[in-house]
Structures are given as C-alpha cells and as structure tokens.
Amino acid sequence: MVVATLSGEVMGVPDGQHRMTMPLSQVDALGRRLMPALTAAPYVLLAVLAGVTVAVKHGQPASLAVDLVLCAVAALWMLGMFTLRPAWRVRPLPMAVFFAGFLALLAVLVVRDSWFGFLCVAGYFYAFGVLPWPWRLGGVGAVAFLAGTAQASGLDRSTVGGVLVWLAIALLNILPMCGYAWVDQRNDEIALQRQQALAEVRSANRQLAASLAENAGLHEQLLVQAREAGVLDERARMAREIHDTIAQGLAGIVTQLQALEQAEGDPAEWRRHSVAAIRLARESLAEARRSVDALRPAVLETGRLSDALSDVATRWSGLHGLPVEVITTGTVRPLSAEAEFALLRTAQEALANVAKHAEATRIGVTLSYLGDTVALDVRDDGRGFDPAQPSTGFGLVAMRERIEGLSGTLSVESEPGGGTAVSASVPASV
C-alpha cells in the first residue's frame, strides 16, 4: 500500500503486549507526494457517480433527491472526519467511527444504486489508510462484500440459486482483497523488522565507533604511560649502572690514590697503587661505555657466572689486600643474561660495601644452584650494622631493584660486631 509502508502491530514488544500503529502515522515519501491526490480522489469519484445518478434518475425526482442527499452526506462526512482533520488520521477511535460511518453510507448507496459500487475504490483506500491491523482485514472484507453485492445487483436474490451466486461473487471479491491485505501486512512487518535490524546495526556501529574511540584514547594513554615508564626504567638502570661502575670505580681510584700518597717512600708500593688506579680507571671507563650501550659486563661475555665471580673477587682482593673465598655448589647450568647480570652486580655491590664499611678480615662468596633457583651469598666478618636503621646509600636499593625485577628475593642479615651476610636468589628459569 503506497500510503503506508509500515503498518500493523509493532514488532518486538515484550510479553505479547502489542500497540497498534496507525498506517498513516508512517507514510513513505511517495505516499506523502500522492496523499493530496488520494484525498481528493473519493470526492471526484463521488461527484462522477452523483452525475451518473442524475442522468439515470432524472425522471425519478424523489429517488434522485434521496441519492443526492446521501452523496452530500457522504461528502460532508469525509470532509469533516478525514480531510479537515489530519490529526485524527493517526487516532484509532476517530478513524474507526469515520470508517464505520462511511461504510454505512456506502452500503445504503450500493443497495439503492449498483453503480455506487465504484465508490468501493474509496472504501479500499480508507480501509488500508485508516484501519490498524487486524481491523483492516475486516474493513477490507466488508468493502469487498459491498463491491460483490453491487456486481450481483442484477441477480434474483429471492431464489436460493440467486443468493448462492450473489455470495459466490462476493466471495470472489473478498478472498483476493483480504489476501492482498494479509500480504501487505506481512510486507509491512518484514519492512519493520528490517528497519529495526538496521537501527540495531547502526546502534551497534555507533557503540563500536565509540568503543574504538575510547580504545584509541586508552591506547594513547598507555603509550604515554609506557613512554614514561620506559624513561623511569632507563633512569633507574642508568642510576644502578653508574653506581655499580663509575661510582665504584671512582671510589676505588680514590682509595688507590690515597694509598699512593702514603707510599711515597716505597717506590714498589707506590708503583703498585699507581698501576691499580690506572687499571681501575680503564675498567671503569669500559664498564661505563658498556652500561650506556646496555651490554653485558665483559667478564660475563668471556665465561660463566662462577668464573665471572672468581674474576671479580680476584681483582677486588688485589685492590684491597683481603682474601675472598669463592665457592660454587650444585650443578652449574646456563642462566639467562638478566639473571647472571643481576647476580654479578649484586656481588660487586656487596664487595664494594665490604671495602667501604665492613673493616673485615675474611670474605666469602657462595654461588649455589638449588633446583629451580640460583642463590648468591656474600658474607664478611666485619663490624656489621643495624639493618633496622634506614640506609642513606643507593647500593642496597639498586641490588633489591635488580633482584626483585626478576621475581627474586634479597635479604641482608647483620648486627653490630657480627658481620654481614647478603643473600640473593632468582628463579633459574628467568
């Protein structure tokens, strides 16, 4: 139906509760363009039929007058209830009253004069245009019955055969028109379902676009946070590396230079400290360059962790004149570069703390391969300290960050006069 592309019951209403949608409340663009012509067409048709009535019944003034009055009443009914009341066209009750009145007038006109059966065209227009489903089906059937009655006007309805033929003609009008009304309603429902599906798709697309925009914003925030975290991590790494390389190297150089000043009367001792200071400076410079490039320490690139620890202990003993005992227990196996690096730096920092604070005479370094973990212990018999007191140095903080960054643990046991033990362990699979 051109005037109502969407009609019938609203689909998708829960609990079986349907509200009726008036056909003319949802008119497509073509229907809006044709609405003036369709509204005027019943009047034109009624005027033509009135003219036919005048031509046919000019010799019957009484009957003609009744017909013309009925035509005038029908015109006024359409004008007052439909044409001049556009707001009523989408209200079920006024339109039900209007259609019932028009149908009654049409029935009287058809019974009086069969040519008024042509006015059934206007009846179909009103049935499809103003009646919601399922009342539309009954309205279309009633108009079709009147059309069949007009077509069977020449039959003798006083006989059974005449009545049967009349009913057959009426049925031939009712079935196709009601069938068309049902198909039209199904098409309307399908169109409504399609529109609802499109609306859901558009809504889903809008939600998806909003989600994508939100995800883009979150992604940008994550990128900013990742960059900030990267900067902080790099600062922490450089702080640890500077502490473990440049700071320790400079501290060792200062120690050697102080010893060199005290050995002015002993050329051999003076030369030993001078050579040690130069070697420390070169090693510190090399380690600083390697730290900037984020490379592994040279001692780890040329050997295993146990060998690197022995090399570090030997050089430390040569600088400070104290023996360091290095022991490896368990089955030696390869570790990740990160784990070896963290344990090596922990040993270097622990030995540096011994040189600066412990005043020890015996130092021991133990590397233990214990199943799924690898442990490093650095012990001394120095003066110790109270671990409960807050530390002002960066060394312990750097060691803890390195080890805990690998899901490992670091513990420091000490007491005044009782020496110090630094223990670090990391998972072997890191």
Protein backbone atom coordinates (compact mmCIF):
# COMPACT_ATOMS: atom_id res chain seq x y z
CA MET A 1 0.00 0.00 0.00
CA VAL A 2 1.57 3.26 -1.13
CA VAL A 3 0.22 5.34 1.73
CA ALA A 4 1.56 3.12 4.45
CA THR A 5 4.83 1.31 4.00
CA LEU A 6 4.86 0.46 7.69
CA SER A 7 1.67 -0.61 9.37
CA GLY A 8 0.23 -3.24 11.63
CA GLU A 9 1.49 -4.29 15.06
CA VAL A 10 4.79 -3.03 16.33
CA MET A 11 7.20 -5.95 16.35
CA GLY A 12 9.43 -6.85 19.25
CA VAL A 13 7.22 -5.60 22.10
CA PRO A 14 7.78 -7.88 25.13
CA ASP A 15 5.27 -10.05 26.96
CA GLY A 16 2.96 -10.26 23.96
CA GLN A 17 1.66 -6.71 24.52
CA HIS A 18 1.26 -5.05 21.12
CA ARG A 19 0.21 -1.49 20.46
CA MET A 20 -1.46 -0.67 17.17
CA THR A 21 0.29 1.61 14.73
CA MET A 22 -1.97 3.71 12.55
CA PRO A 23 -0.98 3.27 8.87
CA LEU A 24 -0.96 6.99 8.08
CA SER A 25 1.38 7.66 11.02
CA GLN A 26 4.22 6.14 8.98
CA VAL A 27 3.95 7.23 5.37
CA ASP A 28 6.83 6.96 2.93
CA ALA A 29 8.00 9.78 0.64
CA LEU A 30 5.91 8.53 -2.30
CA GLY A 31 2.83 8.32 -0.11
CA ARG A 32 3.32 11.91 1.08
CA ARG A 33 3.55 13.11 -2.53
CA LEU A 34 0.41 11.21 -3.55
CA MET A 35 -1.62 12.00 -0.42
CA PRO A 36 -3.33 15.15 -1.83
CA ALA A 37 -4.45 13.28 -4.96
CA LEU A 38 -5.59 10.27 -2.98
CA THR A 39 -7.51 12.51 -0.58
CA ALA A 40 -9.26 14.28 -3.45
CA ALA A 41 -9.97 11.10 -5.44
CA PRO A 42 -13.02 9.97 -3.34
CA TYR A 43 -14.69 13.35 -3.89
CA VAL A 44 -14.08 13.19 -7.64
CA LEU A 45 -15.41 9.62 -7.77
CA LEU A 46 -18.44 10.57 -5.67
CA ALA A 47 -19.16 13.57 -7.92
CA VAL A 48 -18.95 11.42 -11.05
CA LEU A 49 -21.31 8.86 -9.53
CA ALA A 50 -23.70 11.62 -8.47
CA GLY A 51 -23.69 12.85 -12.08
CA VAL A 52 -24.46 9.33 -13.28
CA THR A 53 -27.31 9.20 -10.78
CA VAL A 54 -28.72 12.47 -12.09
CA ALA A 55 -28.51 11.19 -15.67
CA VAL A 56 -30.15 7.88 -14.82
CA LYS A 57 -32.83 9.11 -12.37
CA HIS A 58 -33.78 12.47 -13.81
CA GLY A 59 -37.28 11.08 -14.28
CA GLN A 60 -37.48 9.97 -10.61
CA PRO A 61 -37.15 13.21 -8.65
CA ALA A 62 -37.97 11.70 -5.25
CA SER A 63 -35.42 8.88 -5.51
CA LEU A 64 -32.91 11.23 -7.08
CA ALA A 65 -33.26 13.65 -4.21
CA VAL A 66 -32.58 10.88 -1.66
CA ASP A 67 -29.49 9.76 -3.59
CA LEU A 68 -28.15 13.28 -3.87
CA VAL A 69 -28.73 13.87 -0.18
CA LEU A 70 -26.86 10.65 0.61
CA CYS A 71 -24.00 11.74 -1.68
CA ALA A 72 -23.89 15.14 0.06
CA VAL A 73 -23.87 13.48 3.49
CA ALA A 74 -21.05 11.16 2.37
CA ALA A 75 -19.04 14.13 1.07
CA LEU A 76 -19.58 16.10 4.28
CA TRP A 77 -18.69 13.01 6.35
CA MET A 78 -15.39 12.56 4.50
CA LEU A 79 -14.68 16.30 4.71
CA GLY A 80 -15.45 16.69 8.42
CA MET A 81 -13.99 13.41 9.68
CA PHE A 82 -10.97 12.94 7.41
CA THR A 83 -9.97 15.75 5.04
CA LEU A 84 -10.20 18.64 7.52
CA ARG A 85 -8.94 16.55 10.48
CA PRO A 86 -5.38 15.46 9.66
CA ALA A 87 -4.63 14.99 13.36
CA TRP A 88 -7.44 12.43 13.62
CA ARG A 89 -5.94 10.24 10.89
CA VAL A 90 -3.46 8.70 13.35
CA ARG A 91 -6.01 8.18 16.16
CA PRO A 92 -7.70 4.76 16.22
CA LEU A 93 -11.10 5.70 17.71
CA PRO A 94 -11.98 8.67 15.44
CA MET A 95 -10.87 6.70 12.39
CA ALA A 96 -12.94 3.69 13.45
CA VAL A 97 -16.00 5.93 13.74
CA PHE A 98 -15.22 7.58 10.40
CA PHE A 99 -14.81 4.29 8.55
CA ALA A 100 -17.94 2.78 10.10
CA GLY A 101 -19.98 5.82 9.05
CA PHE A 102 -18.55 5.82 5.53
CA LEU A 103 -19.16 2.07 5.23
CA ALA A 104 -22.82 2.55 6.29
CA LEU A 105 -23.35 5.32 3.73
CA LEU A 106 -21.63 3.23 1.05
CA ALA A 107 -23.89 0.24 1.85
CA VAL A 108 -27.05 2.35 1.53
CA LEU A 109 -25.87 3.84 -1.76
CA VAL A 110 -24.90 0.41 -3.18
CA VAL A 111 -28.23 -1.12 -2.16
CA ARG A 112 -30.12 1.76 -3.77
CA ASP A 113 -27.99 2.02 -6.94
CA SER A 114 -25.48 -0.62 -8.05
CA TRP A 115 -23.22 1.85 -9.86
CA PHE A 116 -22.18 3.21 -6.46
CA GLY A 117 -20.16 0.01 -6.25
CA PHE A 118 -17.41 2.02 -7.95
CA LEU A 119 -17.19 4.06 -4.73
CA CYS A 120 -15.76 0.89 -3.13
CA VAL A 121 -12.41 2.05 -4.52
CA ALA A 122 -12.56 4.89 -1.98
CA GLY A 123 -13.61 2.34 0.63
CA TYR A 124 -10.46 0.30 -0.03
CA PHE A 125 -8.35 3.42 0.24
CA TYR A 126 -9.83 4.27 3.63
CA ALA A 127 -9.64 0.66 4.87
CA PHE A 128 -5.93 0.44 4.08
CA GLY A 129 -5.22 4.00 5.18
CA VAL A 130 -7.05 4.43 8.49
CA LEU A 131 -7.56 0.97 9.99
CA PRO A 132 -4.79 -0.69 12.00
CA TRP A 133 -4.15 -4.42 11.80
CA PRO A 134 -6.12 -6.70 12.30
CA TRP A 135 -9.19 -4.45 11.98
CA ARG A 136 -8.04 -3.57 8.48
CA LEU A 137 -8.75 -7.14 7.38
CA GLY A 138 -12.39 -6.84 8.46
CA GLY A 139 -12.76 -3.43 6.83
CA VAL A 140 -11.33 -4.66 3.52
CA GLY A 141 -13.63 -7.70 3.66
CA ALA A 142 -16.72 -5.51 4.30
CA VAL A 143 -15.88 -3.21 1.36
CA ALA A 144 -15.25 -6.25 -0.86
CA PHE A 145 -18.63 -7.67 0.16
CA LEU A 146 -20.32 -4.42 -0.92
CA ALA A 147 -18.40 -4.49 -4.20
CA GLY A 148 -19.62 -8.05 -4.80
CA THR A 149 -23.16 -7.01 -3.90
CA ALA A 150 -23.02 -4.21 -6.48
CA GLN A 151 -21.72 -6.64 -9.10
CA ALA A 152 -24.59 -9.09 -8.31
CA SER A 153 -27.30 -6.44 -8.37
CA GLY A 154 -28.97 -7.96 -11.42
CA LEU A 155 -29.49 -11.35 -9.74
CA ASP A 156 -32.78 -12.53 -8.31
CA ARG A 157 -31.96 -12.85 -4.62
CA SER A 158 -35.37 -14.25 -3.85
CA THR A 159 -34.20 -17.69 -5.00
CA VAL A 160 -31.63 -19.96 -3.44
CA GLY A 161 -29.62 -20.03 -6.63
CA GLY A 162 -29.56 -16.25 -6.84
CA VAL A 163 -28.39 -15.98 -3.24
CA LEU A 164 -25.67 -18.57 -3.81
CA VAL A 165 -24.42 -16.79 -6.93
CA TRP A 166 -24.51 -13.47 -5.07
CA LEU A 167 -22.47 -14.94 -2.21
CA ALA A 168 -20.04 -16.54 -4.67
CA ILE A 169 -19.46 -13.21 -6.40
CA ALA A 170 -18.98 -11.54 -3.02
CA LEU A 171 -16.52 -14.28 -2.04
CA LEU A 172 -14.56 -13.75 -5.27
CA ASN A 173 -14.13 -10.14 -4.20
CA ILE A 174 -13.42 -10.83 -0.52
CA LEU A 175 -10.74 -13.55 -0.90
CA PRO A 176 -8.29 -11.74 -3.19
CA MET A 177 -8.67 -8.38 -1.41
CA CYS A 178 -8.24 -9.92 2.05
CA GLY A 179 -5.34 -11.97 0.71
CA TYR A 180 -3.76 -8.79 -0.58
CA ALA A 181 -4.34 -7.11 2.77
CA TRP A 182 -2.62 -10.02 4.55
CA VAL A 183 0.36 -9.97 2.16
CA ASP A 184 0.60 -6.20 2.54
CA GLN A 185 0.64 -6.59 6.32
CA ARG A 186 3.35 -9.26 6.14
CA ASN A 187 5.42 -6.98 3.93
CA ASP A 188 4.94 -4.18 6.42
CA GLU A 189 6.09 -6.42 9.27
CA ILE A 190 9.14 -7.56 7.29
CA ALA A 191 9.96 -3.95 6.46
CA LEU A 192 9.58 -3.02 10.11
CA GLN A 193 11.82 -5.89 11.18
CA ARG A 194 14.36 -4.83 8.56
CA GLN A 195 14.27 -1.25 9.83
CA GLN A 196 14.65 -2.43 13.41
CA ALA A 197 17.59 -4.63 12.38
CA LEU A 198 19.16 -1.69 10.55
CA ALA A 199 18.59 0.50 13.59
CA GLU A 200 20.24 -2.12 15.80
CA VAL A 201 23.15 -2.36 13.38
CA ARG A 202 23.50 1.42 13.33
CA SER A 203 23.34 1.49 17.12
CA ALA A 204 25.95 -1.29 17.31
CA ASN A 205 28.11 0.62 14.82
CA ARG A 206 27.82 3.76 16.92
CA GLN A 207 28.73 1.83 20.04
CA LEU A 208 31.62 0.19 18.19
CA ALA A 209 32.82 3.57 16.96
CA ALA A 210 32.56 4.95 20.49
CA SER A 211 34.44 1.91 21.81
CA LEU A 212 37.11 2.31 19.15
CA ALA A 213 37.46 5.98 20.02
CA GLU A 214 37.67 5.11 23.70
CA ASN A 215 40.20 2.36 22.96
CA ALA A 216 42.22 4.79 20.87
CA GLY A 217 42.25 7.20 23.81
CA LEU A 218 43.23 4.41 26.20
CA HIS A 219 45.89 3.25 23.75
CA GLU A 220 47.29 6.75 23.62
CA GLN A 221 47.30 6.91 27.41
CA LEU A 222 49.04 3.54 27.58
CA LEU A 223 51.62 4.74 25.10
CA VAL A 224 52.24 7.84 27.20
CA GLN A 225 52.44 5.74 30.37
CA ALA A 226 54.71 3.23 28.62
CA ARG A 227 57.00 6.03 27.49
CA GLU A 228 57.03 7.49 31.00
CA ALA A 229 57.66 4.04 32.49
CA GLY A 230 60.44 3.47 29.94
CA VAL A 231 62.03 6.77 30.87
CA LEU A 232 61.81 5.92 34.58
CA ASP A 233 63.17 2.41 33.99
CA GLU A 234 66.03 3.78 31.94
CA ARG A 235 66.80 6.35 34.61
CA ALA A 236 66.80 3.64 37.26
CA ARG A 237 69.01 1.43 35.07
CA MET A 238 71.47 4.22 34.43
CA ALA A 239 71.50 5.11 38.15
CA ARG A 240 72.30 1.48 39.02
CA GLU A 241 74.93 1.22 36.32
CA ILE A 242 76.57 4.50 37.29
CA HIS A 243 76.60 3.36 40.88
CA ASP A 244 77.96 -0.09 40.02
CA THR A 245 80.58 1.11 37.52
CA ILE A 246 81.58 4.75 37.64
CA ALA A 247 80.87 5.36 41.34
CA GLN A 248 82.57 2.17 42.50
CA GLY A 249 85.44 2.70 40.08
CA LEU A 250 85.98 6.26 41.26
CA ALA A 251 85.82 5.13 44.87
CA GLY A 252 88.49 2.51 44.13
CA ILE A 253 90.64 5.04 42.30
CA VAL A 254 90.40 7.46 45.25
CA THR A 255 91.41 4.65 47.60
CA GLN A 256 94.43 3.79 45.43
CA LEU A 257 95.48 7.43 45.11
CA GLN A 258 95.27 7.89 48.88
CA ALA A 259 97.40 4.78 49.33
CA LEU A 260 99.78 6.08 46.69
CA GLU A 261 100.31 9.31 48.70
CA GLN A 262 101.22 7.26 51.75
CA ALA A 263 103.71 5.13 49.77
CA GLU A 264 105.96 7.96 48.55
CA GLY A 265 108.97 6.43 50.35
CA ASP A 266 108.39 2.97 48.86
CA PRO A 267 108.80 3.01 45.05
CA ALA A 268 107.50 -0.56 44.59
CA GLU A 269 104.38 0.06 46.67
CA TRP A 270 103.88 3.46 45.00
CA ARG A 271 104.05 1.83 41.59
CA ARG A 272 101.63 -0.92 42.60
CA HIS A 273 98.97 1.56 43.68
CA SER A 274 99.60 3.71 40.62
CA VAL A 275 99.12 0.74 38.27
CA ALA A 276 95.98 -0.31 40.19
CA ALA A 277 94.48 3.19 39.91
CA ILE A 278 95.15 3.33 36.17
CA ARG A 279 93.68 -0.13 35.67
CA LEU A 280 90.58 0.81 37.70
CA ALA A 281 90.13 3.95 35.63
CA ARG A 282 90.33 1.99 32.38
CA GLU A 283 87.98 -0.72 33.60
CA SER A 284 85.51 1.82 34.93
CA LEU A 285 85.56 3.70 31.63
CA ALA A 286 84.98 0.47 29.70
CA GLU A 287 82.15 -0.58 32.01
CA ALA A 288 80.56 2.87 31.77
CA ARG A 289 80.57 2.63 27.98
CA ARG A 290 79.08 -0.85 28.15
CA SER A 291 76.37 0.37 30.55
CA VAL A 292 75.43 3.19 28.18
CA ASP A 293 75.12 0.63 25.39
CA ALA A 294 73.18 -1.73 27.76
CA LEU A 295 75.69 -4.54 27.13
CA ARG A 296 76.69 -7.42 29.39
CA PRO A 297 79.81 -6.95 31.50
CA ALA A 298 82.93 -8.22 29.78
CA VAL A 299 83.54 -10.88 32.42
CA LEU A 300 80.18 -12.49 31.61
CA GLU A 301 80.79 -12.49 27.87
CA THR A 302 84.03 -14.43 28.24
CA GLY A 303 82.93 -17.01 30.81
CA ARG A 304 80.29 -18.46 33.10
CA LEU A 305 78.84 -16.69 36.12
CA SER A 306 81.03 -18.68 38.52
CA ASP A 307 84.13 -17.69 36.54
CA ALA A 308 82.98 -14.06 36.46
CA LEU A 309 82.51 -14.06 40.24
CA SER A 310 86.02 -15.53 40.70
CA ASP A 311 87.46 -12.86 38.42
CA VAL A 312 85.66 -10.06 40.30
CA ALA A 313 86.80 -11.48 43.67
CA THR A 314 90.43 -11.78 42.47
CA ARG A 315 90.54 -8.20 41.26
CA TRP A 316 88.86 -6.97 44.44
CA SER A 317 91.41 -8.86 46.56
CA GLY A 318 94.23 -7.34 44.53
CA LEU A 319 92.92 -3.84 45.17
CA HIS A 320 92.17 -4.20 48.87
CA GLY A 321 94.65 -6.81 50.00
CA LEU A 322 91.99 -9.06 51.51
CA PRO A 323 91.40 -12.69 50.55
CA VAL A 324 87.98 -13.63 49.09
CA GLU A 325 86.88 -17.24 49.06
CA VAL A 326 84.59 -18.11 46.11
CA ILE A 327 82.63 -21.38 46.25
CA THR A 328 80.20 -22.82 43.71
CA THR A 329 77.77 -25.56 44.77
CA GLY A 330 75.25 -27.61 42.84
CA THR A 331 75.13 -28.46 39.17
CA VAL A 332 76.26 -25.49 37.14
CA ARG A 333 73.86 -24.69 34.30
CA PRO A 334 73.28 -21.74 31.98
CA LEU A 335 71.17 -18.86 33.23
CA SER A 336 69.52 -16.03 31.40
CA ALA A 337 71.66 -13.00 30.72
CA GLU A 338 69.48 -10.88 33.00
CA ALA A 339 69.86 -13.28 35.95
CA GLU A 340 73.64 -13.55 35.57
CA PHE A 341 73.96 -9.78 35.23
CA ALA A 342 71.85 -9.12 38.35
CA LEU A 343 73.78 -11.63 40.49
CA LEU A 344 77.14 -10.33 39.29
CA ARG A 345 76.21 -6.72 40.06
CA THR A 346 74.90 -7.81 43.46
CA ALA A 347 78.24 -9.45 44.26
CA GLN A 348 80.15 -6.34 43.09
CA GLU A 349 77.99 -4.05 45.20
CA ALA A 350 78.28 -6.31 48.26
CA LEU A 351 82.08 -6.40 47.94
CA ALA A 352 82.16 -2.62 47.45
CA ASN A 353 80.20 -2.20 50.68
CA VAL A 354 82.64 -4.51 52.47
CA ALA A 355 85.55 -2.34 51.30
CA LYS A 356 83.85 0.89 52.37
CA HIS A 357 82.24 -0.06 55.67
CA ALA A 358 83.00 -3.54 57.00
CA GLU A 359 86.68 -3.48 58.10
CA ALA A 360 86.56 -7.23 57.56
CA THR A 361 89.39 -9.76 57.53
CA ARG A 362 87.53 -12.65 55.85
CA ILE A 363 85.08 -12.55 52.96
CA GLY A 364 83.24 -15.44 51.36
CA VAL A 365 81.18 -15.58 48.13
CA THR A 366 78.99 -18.63 47.52
CA LEU A 367 77.06 -19.35 44.31
CA SER A 368 74.51 -22.14 44.79
CA TYR A 369 72.47 -23.87 42.08
CA LEU A 370 69.42 -25.12 44.01
CA GLY A 371 66.94 -26.88 41.76
CA ASP A 372 64.68 -24.15 40.41
CA THR A 373 66.59 -21.24 41.98
CA VAL A 374 70.10 -19.86 41.99
CA ALA A 375 71.37 -18.19 45.16
CA LEU A 376 74.29 -15.86 45.83
CA ASP A 377 75.64 -15.25 49.34
CA VAL A 378 78.32 -12.69 50.23
CA ARG A 379 79.50 -12.86 53.86
CA ASP A 380 82.09 -10.95 55.87
CA ASP A 381 83.29 -10.87 59.48
CA GLY A 382 83.33 -7.09 59.68
CA ARG A 383 81.81 -4.73 62.15
CA GLY A 384 78.30 -5.12 60.79
CA PHE A 385 75.40 -2.69 61.23
CA ASP A 386 71.81 -2.50 62.36
CA PRO A 387 69.54 -3.37 59.36
CA ALA A 388 66.61 -1.70 61.11
CA GLN A 389 68.28 1.68 60.70
CA PRO A 390 67.33 3.44 57.44
CA SER A 391 70.04 3.32 54.82
CA THR A 392 71.15 6.52 53.10
CA GLY A 393 73.07 4.77 50.34
CA PHE A 394 71.86 3.68 46.90
CA GLY A 395 73.65 0.32 46.87
CA LEU A 396 71.09 -1.81 48.72
CA VAL A 397 68.25 -0.14 46.81
CA ALA A 398 69.91 -0.91 43.49
CA MET A 399 70.57 -4.53 44.47
CA ARG A 400 66.98 -5.02 45.61
CA GLU A 401 65.54 -3.47 42.43
CA ARG A 402 67.67 -5.72 40.23
CA ILE A 403 66.79 -8.93 42.06
CA GLU A 404 63.09 -8.22 42.63
CA GLY A 405 62.80 -7.17 38.98
CA LEU A 406 63.49 -10.83 38.16
CA SER A 407 60.92 -12.14 40.69
CA GLY A 408 63.76 -12.90 43.07
CA THR A 409 64.41 -12.06 46.74
CA LEU A 410 67.16 -10.17 48.51
CA SER A 411 67.87 -10.30 52.23
CA VAL A 412 70.52 -8.65 54.39
CA GLU A 413 71.45 -10.10 57.78
CA SER A 414 73.76 -8.17 60.05
CA GLU A 415 74.31 -6.93 63.57
CA PRO A 416 76.86 -4.59 65.09
CA GLY A 417 80.11 -6.52 65.54
CA GLY A 418 78.68 -9.70 63.98
CA GLY A 419 79.50 -9.24 60.30
CA THR A 420 77.11 -9.06 57.36
CA ALA A 421 75.51 -11.58 55.03
CA VAL A 422 73.85 -10.53 51.78
CA SER A 423 71.71 -13.25 50.17
CA ALA A 424 70.09 -13.00 46.75
CA SER A 425 68.13 -15.67 44.88
CA VAL A 426 66.46 -15.65 41.47
CA PRO A 427 64.44 -18.30 39.60
CA ALA A 428 66.68 -20.43 37.43
CA SER A 429 64.23 -20.14 34.54
CA VAL A 430 64.16 -16.33 34.42
